[in-house]
C-alpha cells in the first residue's frame, strides 16, 4: 500500500479538504474489478470515477477517444469538485485552470453534440469550438461567454453555477434525443457545491 495526498505533506496548510490518496498493489486485480461492493468498506460515496473504465480515458495505448455521453457527464461533475475546493481555499489560479481547462471543455463538448444533433452531424464546429457561436442561439452564447469572467473568486463561483445550469440543460436535451439516461452525478455534486458556497463564500476575496 502506498499513500500520498495533501494530508501526508506537513508543509501544506491544514483544512477540511485535505485527503489521502491511497494506492493498493494487489496480486489479483480481477476480483476487485468484477464489482464495487468492496468499496463500501471505506464509507459512503457521493461520487466515483473509474478512469480505466471510461472511454474518455482509454487505458490502452493507441485507443481512439470515444466521446461518450456518460463519460462526459462524469468528468464534468467530478472535476467541478476540484473547482469548488479551490474556491473554498481561495486558490484562484488552481481554480481557474480546472474550470477553464477541464470543466468548460466538457461543457463545450456537450454543446457541440447539441449542434451535431440539430445539424445531422454534418459539420465541424472547428478547432477549440471556434465556430460554435454560429450554431447556437444568442442566449446560450451570451451565457457561455459570461462564464469566462474569472478575475475573482466571486466571479468564478458565478461562472461555475452558470456552467452547471448550461451543462444540465444541454445534457438533458442531448439525452432525450439520443435516448440516453441523464446520470445522477448532478444531484450530489450540486448539493455539495451549494453547501460549500454557503459555508465559504462569506470570505472577503
Foldseek 3Di string as FASTA:
>chain_A
DDKDWPVVDPPDDDDPPTDIDDDDDDPDCVVCVVDPPVVCVVPDDLADDDLCPAQQRPPDPPDDRDPDLVNLVNQLLVLVVQLLVCLLVQVLVSNLCSCPVGNVVSLLVLLVLVLCVVVVVPDDCDDVSVNSVVRDDPVLVVLLVQLNPRPGSVSPLVSSVSSLVSSVVSSVVSCVVVVHDDDPSSVSSVVVSVVSCVVRVVDDD
